[in-house]
Amino acid sequence: MSEISVNLTGTVCPYPVMVIIEHAEKLKPGESVSFIVDDPLAIKSVPDELEDDEYIDITIETCKEGWKITVAKSR
């Protein structure tokens, strides 16, 4: 299954966080989606908002545009 990528550069919180949460809630086990963000608040807020879902894995890495946040559902 191919990974979906969503570019959210140029948007400010809370919009990126809302979009990421909406996508995370729709994930099926084994699926993942990546987001490119440039608002530093997003890299703090996303893990805080999704911390209660034990089946969601979040990876944050730096990239040319800012940060790449990958959200995956394990089951």
C-alpha atoms as a PDB file:
ATOM      1  CA  MET A   1       0.000   0.000   0.000  1.00  0.00           C
ATOM      2  CA  SER A   2       1.434   3.376  -0.940  1.00  0.00           C
ATOM      3  CA  GLU A   3       1.916   6.094   1.609  1.00  0.00           C
ATOM      4  CA  ILE A   4      -0.191   9.239   1.300  1.00  0.00           C
ATOM      5  CA  SER A   5       1.592  12.582   1.689  1.00  0.00           C
ATOM      6  CA  VAL A   6      -0.130  15.882   2.503  1.00  0.00           C
ATOM      7  CA  ASN A   7       1.650  19.230   2.222  1.00  0.00           C
ATOM      8  CA  LEU A   8       0.503  21.603   4.970  1.00  0.00           C
ATOM      9  CA  THR A   9       3.271  24.190   4.619  1.00  0.00           C
ATOM     10  CA  GLY A  10       2.061  27.739   4.932  1.00  0.00           C
ATOM     11  CA  THR A  11      -0.771  26.799   7.291  1.00  0.00           C
ATOM     12  CA  VAL A  12      -0.716  27.690  10.972  1.00  0.00           C
ATOM     13  CA  CYS A  13      -2.005  25.861  14.018  1.00  0.00           C
ATOM     14  CA  PRO A  14      -4.522  24.673  14.823  1.00  0.00           C
ATOM     15  CA  TYR A  15      -5.339  23.889  11.151  1.00  0.00           C
ATOM     16  CA  PRO A  16      -2.466  21.399  10.527  1.00  0.00           C
ATOM     17  CA  VAL A  17      -3.234  19.585  13.776  1.00  0.00           C
ATOM     18  CA  MET A  18      -6.930  19.305  12.896  1.00  0.00           C
ATOM     19  CA  VAL A  19      -6.112  17.884   9.445  1.00  0.00           C
ATOM     20  CA  ILE A  20      -3.625  15.369  10.865  1.00  0.00           C
ATOM     21  CA  ILE A  21      -6.073  14.182  13.546  1.00  0.00           C
ATOM     22  CA  GLU A  22      -8.841  13.824  10.950  1.00  0.00           C
ATOM     23  CA  HIS A  23      -6.600  11.643   8.759  1.00  0.00           C
ATOM     24  CA  ALA A  24      -5.334   9.619  11.752  1.00  0.00           C
ATOM     25  CA  GLU A  25      -8.878   8.748  12.802  1.00  0.00           C
ATOM     26  CA  LYS A  26      -9.597   7.316   9.334  1.00  0.00           C
ATOM     27  CA  LEU A  27      -6.495   5.106   9.138  1.00  0.00           C
ATOM     28  CA  LYS A  28      -6.930   1.361   8.920  1.00  0.00           C
ATOM     29  CA  PRO A  29      -4.365  -0.979  10.503  1.00  0.00           C
ATOM     30  CA  GLY A  30      -1.142  -0.991   8.500  1.00  0.00           C
ATOM     31  CA  GLU A  31      -1.833   2.353   6.815  1.00  0.00           C
ATOM     32  CA  SER A  32       0.194   5.520   7.223  1.00  0.00           C
ATOM     33  CA  VAL A  33       0.063   9.120   6.078  1.00  0.00           C
ATOM     34  CA  SER A  34       2.791  11.774   6.082  1.00  0.00           C
ATOM     35  CA  PHE A  35       2.413  15.508   6.479  1.00  0.00           C
ATOM     36  CA  ILE A  36       4.872  18.261   5.649  1.00  0.00           C
ATOM     37  CA  VAL A  37       4.493  21.156   8.098  1.00  0.00           C
ATOM     38  CA  ASP A  38       6.426  24.349   8.738  1.00  0.00           C
ATOM     39  CA  ASP A  39       4.639  25.549  11.881  1.00  0.00           C
ATOM     40  CA  PRO A  40       6.753  24.486  14.897  1.00  0.00           C
ATOM     41  CA  LEU A  41       3.649  24.324  17.081  1.00  0.00           C
ATOM     42  CA  ALA A  42       2.398  21.385  14.988  1.00  0.00           C
ATOM     43  CA  ILE A  43       5.317  19.146  15.949  1.00  0.00           C
ATOM     44  CA  LYS A  44       4.465  19.635  19.619  1.00  0.00           C
ATOM     45  CA  SER A  45       0.678  19.581  19.337  1.00  0.00           C
ATOM     46  CA  VAL A  46       0.231  16.475  17.163  1.00  0.00           C
ATOM     47  CA  PRO A  47       1.872  14.030  19.624  1.00  0.00           C
ATOM     48  CA  ASP A  48      -0.023  15.664  22.503  1.00  0.00           C
ATOM     49  CA  GLU A  49      -3.363  15.296  20.706  1.00  0.00           C
ATOM     50  CA  LEU A  50      -2.806  11.679  19.620  1.00  0.00           C
ATOM     51  CA  GLU A  51      -1.083  10.352  22.756  1.00  0.00           C
ATOM     52  CA  ASP A  52      -4.211   8.564  24.015  1.00  0.00           C
ATOM     53  CA  ASP A  53      -4.441   6.304  20.949  1.00  0.00           C
ATOM     54  CA  GLU A  54      -2.065   3.454  21.740  1.00  0.00           C
ATOM     55  CA  TYR A  55      -2.265   2.079  18.173  1.00  0.00           C
ATOM     56  CA  ILE A  56      -1.065   5.290  16.496  1.00  0.00           C
ATOM     57  CA  ASP A  57       2.681   5.649  15.918  1.00  0.00           C
ATOM     58  CA  ILE A  58       4.067   9.115  15.208  1.00  0.00           C
ATOM     59  CA  THR A  59       7.432   9.852  13.631  1.00  0.00           C
ATOM     60  CA  ILE A  60       8.762  13.393  13.250  1.00  0.00           C
ATOM     61  CA  GLU A  61      11.822  14.186  11.153  1.00  0.00           C
ATOM     62  CA  THR A  62      13.272  17.377   9.767  1.00  0.00           C
ATOM     63  CA  CYS A  63      13.092  18.035   6.050  1.00  0.00           C
ATOM     64  CA  LYS A  64      13.845  20.860   3.626  1.00  0.00           C
ATOM     65  CA  GLU A  65      10.401  22.445   4.091  1.00  0.00           C
ATOM     66  CA  GLY A  66      10.323  22.101   7.903  1.00  0.00           C
ATOM     67  CA  TRP A  67       9.181  18.786   9.390  1.00  0.00           C
ATOM     68  CA  LYS A  68       7.697  15.553   8.123  1.00  0.00           C
ATOM     69  CA  ILE A  69       5.171  14.032  10.511  1.00  0.00           C
ATOM     70  CA  THR A  70       4.258  10.423   9.727  1.00  0.00           C
ATOM     71  CA  VAL A  71       1.240   8.882  11.426  1.00  0.00           C
ATOM     72  CA  ALA A  72       0.751   5.110  11.203  1.00  0.00           C
ATOM     73  CA  LYS A  73      -1.834   2.760  12.673  1.00  0.00           C
ATOM     74  CA  SER A  74      -0.465  -0.517  14.006  1.00  0.00           C
ATOM     75  CA  ARG A  75      -3.807  -2.285  14.595  1.00  0.00           C
END
